[in-house]
Amino acid sequence: MSSLPHVLLTNPIDPAEHRRLSGSARVTLAPDQRQDTLREASRDADLIIVRAPLPDDVFAAAPRVLAADGEPPTATRTESEPTAT
């Protein structure tokens, strides 16, 4: 497992920004924006850069993610949603 944080992109970002981010993180792009795909792709993510609607239960599927930011609006893990230990 990589020691770099895992950043999941729901959609492509500017190529220069993708390269810049790749210098300090393991960056992956979801293969599509289907809810099941995003749920599965987020399982080991530390950060999700959002450009597509996320499943309502994304935090249950992605225990290390504390928040997801982008467009559409941000989402934040609630106290009732446990984080990874």
C-alpha atoms as a PDB file:
ATOM      1  CA  MET A   1       0.000   0.000   0.000  1.00  0.00           C
ATOM      2  CA  SER A   2       1.274   3.447  -0.887  1.00  0.00           C
ATOM      3  CA  SER A   3       2.251   5.849   1.888  1.00  0.00           C
ATOM      4  CA  LEU A   4       0.849   8.700  -0.208  1.00  0.00           C
ATOM      5  CA  PRO A   5      -2.741   9.773   0.396  1.00  0.00           C
ATOM      6  CA  HIS A   6      -5.230   8.480  -2.164  1.00  0.00           C
ATOM      7  CA  VAL A   7      -7.192  11.179  -4.000  1.00  0.00           C
ATOM      8  CA  LEU A   8     -10.186  10.056  -6.027  1.00  0.00           C
ATOM      9  CA  LEU A   9     -11.398  12.255  -8.871  1.00  0.00           C
ATOM     10  CA  THR A  10     -15.030  11.756  -9.874  1.00  0.00           C
ATOM     11  CA  ASN A  11     -14.277  13.455 -13.213  1.00  0.00           C
ATOM     12  CA  PRO A  12     -11.136  14.642 -15.022  1.00  0.00           C
ATOM     13  CA  ILE A  13      -9.474  17.848 -13.839  1.00  0.00           C
ATOM     14  CA  ASP A  14      -7.061  20.184 -15.608  1.00  0.00           C
ATOM     15  CA  PRO A  15      -4.075  18.060 -16.760  1.00  0.00           C
ATOM     16  CA  ALA A  16      -1.540  20.427 -15.174  1.00  0.00           C
ATOM     17  CA  GLU A  17      -3.371  20.239 -11.838  1.00  0.00           C
ATOM     18  CA  HIS A  18      -3.599  16.469 -12.105  1.00  0.00           C
ATOM     19  CA  ARG A  19       0.199  16.285 -12.593  1.00  0.00           C
ATOM     20  CA  ARG A  20       0.791  18.704  -9.709  1.00  0.00           C
ATOM     21  CA  LEU A  21      -1.465  16.735  -7.375  1.00  0.00           C
ATOM     22  CA  SER A  22       0.189  13.479  -8.451  1.00  0.00           C
ATOM     23  CA  GLY A  23       3.458  14.785  -7.016  1.00  0.00           C
ATOM     24  CA  SER A  24       2.099  14.454  -3.482  1.00  0.00           C
ATOM     25  CA  ALA A  25      -0.744  11.923  -3.748  1.00  0.00           C
ATOM     26  CA  ARG A  26      -1.833   8.769  -5.513  1.00  0.00           C
ATOM     27  CA  VAL A  27      -4.501  10.140  -7.846  1.00  0.00           C
ATOM     28  CA  THR A  28      -7.115   7.942  -9.480  1.00  0.00           C
ATOM     29  CA  LEU A  29      -9.969   8.817 -11.783  1.00  0.00           C
ATOM     30  CA  ALA A  30     -13.268   6.987 -11.389  1.00  0.00           C
ATOM     31  CA  PRO A  31     -13.985   5.040 -14.580  1.00  0.00           C
ATOM     32  CA  ASP A  32     -17.541   6.413 -14.687  1.00  0.00           C
ATOM     33  CA  GLN A  33     -19.955   8.331 -12.456  1.00  0.00           C
ATOM     34  CA  ARG A  34     -22.427   5.554 -11.652  1.00  0.00           C
ATOM     35  CA  GLN A  35     -23.270   5.467  -7.947  1.00  0.00           C
ATOM     36  CA  ASP A  36     -21.989   1.893  -7.498  1.00  0.00           C
ATOM     37  CA  THR A  37     -18.744   2.752  -9.290  1.00  0.00           C
ATOM     38  CA  LEU A  38     -18.131   5.829  -7.122  1.00  0.00           C
ATOM     39  CA  ARG A  39     -18.934   3.851  -3.977  1.00  0.00           C
ATOM     40  CA  GLU A  40     -16.425   1.134  -4.926  1.00  0.00           C
ATOM     41  CA  ALA A  41     -13.741   3.573  -6.142  1.00  0.00           C
ATOM     42  CA  SER A  42     -13.926   5.520  -2.877  1.00  0.00           C
ATOM     43  CA  ARG A  43     -13.235   2.538  -0.589  1.00  0.00           C
ATOM     44  CA  ASP A  44      -9.569   3.402   0.035  1.00  0.00           C
ATOM     45  CA  ALA A  45      -9.721   7.129  -0.764  1.00  0.00           C
ATOM     46  CA  ASP A  46      -8.504   9.760   1.668  1.00  0.00           C
ATOM     47  CA  LEU A  47      -9.967  12.648  -0.330  1.00  0.00           C
ATOM     48  CA  ILE A  48     -12.585  12.866  -3.063  1.00  0.00           C
ATOM     49  CA  ILE A  49     -12.557  15.757  -5.505  1.00  0.00           C
ATOM     50  CA  VAL A  50     -16.174  15.943  -6.567  1.00  0.00           C
ATOM     51  CA  ARG A  51     -17.560  16.893  -9.952  1.00  0.00           C
ATOM     52  CA  ALA A  52     -20.379  14.306  -9.947  1.00  0.00           C
ATOM     53  CA  PRO A  53     -23.154  13.551  -7.425  1.00  0.00           C
ATOM     54  CA  LEU A  54     -21.972  11.119  -4.764  1.00  0.00           C
ATOM     55  CA  PRO A  55     -24.045   8.254  -3.359  1.00  0.00           C
ATOM     56  CA  ASP A  56     -25.861   9.159  -0.137  1.00  0.00           C
ATOM     57  CA  ASP A  57     -23.939   6.398   1.648  1.00  0.00           C
ATOM     58  CA  VAL A  58     -20.473   7.289   0.307  1.00  0.00           C
ATOM     59  CA  PHE A  59     -19.034   7.717   3.815  1.00  0.00           C
ATOM     60  CA  ALA A  60     -20.131   4.207   4.773  1.00  0.00           C
ATOM     61  CA  ALA A  61     -18.243   2.919   1.727  1.00  0.00           C
ATOM     62  CA  ALA A  62     -15.198   5.183   2.272  1.00  0.00           C
ATOM     63  CA  PRO A  63     -14.263   4.999   5.962  1.00  0.00           C
ATOM     64  CA  ARG A  64     -11.084   7.114   5.641  1.00  0.00           C
ATOM     65  CA  VAL A  65     -12.751  10.090   3.931  1.00  0.00           C
ATOM     66  CA  LEU A  66     -13.709  12.885   6.332  1.00  0.00           C
ATOM     67  CA  ALA A  67     -15.107  15.267   3.713  1.00  0.00           C
ATOM     68  CA  ALA A  68     -15.617  15.570  -0.021  1.00  0.00           C
ATOM     69  CA  ASP A  69     -15.285  18.928  -1.723  1.00  0.00           C
ATOM     70  CA  GLY A  70     -16.175  20.347  -5.103  1.00  0.00           C
ATOM     71  CA  GLU A  71     -19.234  20.812  -7.264  1.00  0.00           C
ATOM     72  CA  PRO A  72     -21.932  19.791  -6.405  1.00  0.00           C
ATOM     73  CA  PRO A  73     -21.770  21.123  -2.803  1.00  0.00           C
ATOM     74  CA  THR A  74     -19.538  19.593  -0.183  1.00  0.00           C
ATOM     75  CA  ALA A  75     -20.331  16.675   2.070  1.00  0.00           C
ATOM     76  CA  THR A  76     -18.890  16.035   5.513  1.00  0.00           C
ATOM     77  CA  ARG A  77     -18.921  12.885   7.630  1.00  0.00           C
ATOM     78  CA  THR A  78     -21.335  13.170  10.544  1.00  0.00           C
ATOM     79  CA  GLU A  79     -20.607  12.016  14.081  1.00  0.00           C
ATOM     80  CA  SER A  80     -22.838   8.970  13.517  1.00  0.00           C
ATOM     81  CA  GLU A  81     -20.632   7.810  10.629  1.00  0.00           C
ATOM     82  CA  PRO A  82     -17.516   6.114  12.047  1.00  0.00           C
ATOM     83  CA  THR A  83     -14.076   6.769  10.600  1.00  0.00           C
ATOM     84  CA  ALA A  84     -11.331   4.235  10.043  1.00  0.00           C
ATOM     85  CA  THR A  85      -9.082   3.630  13.020  1.00  0.00           C
END
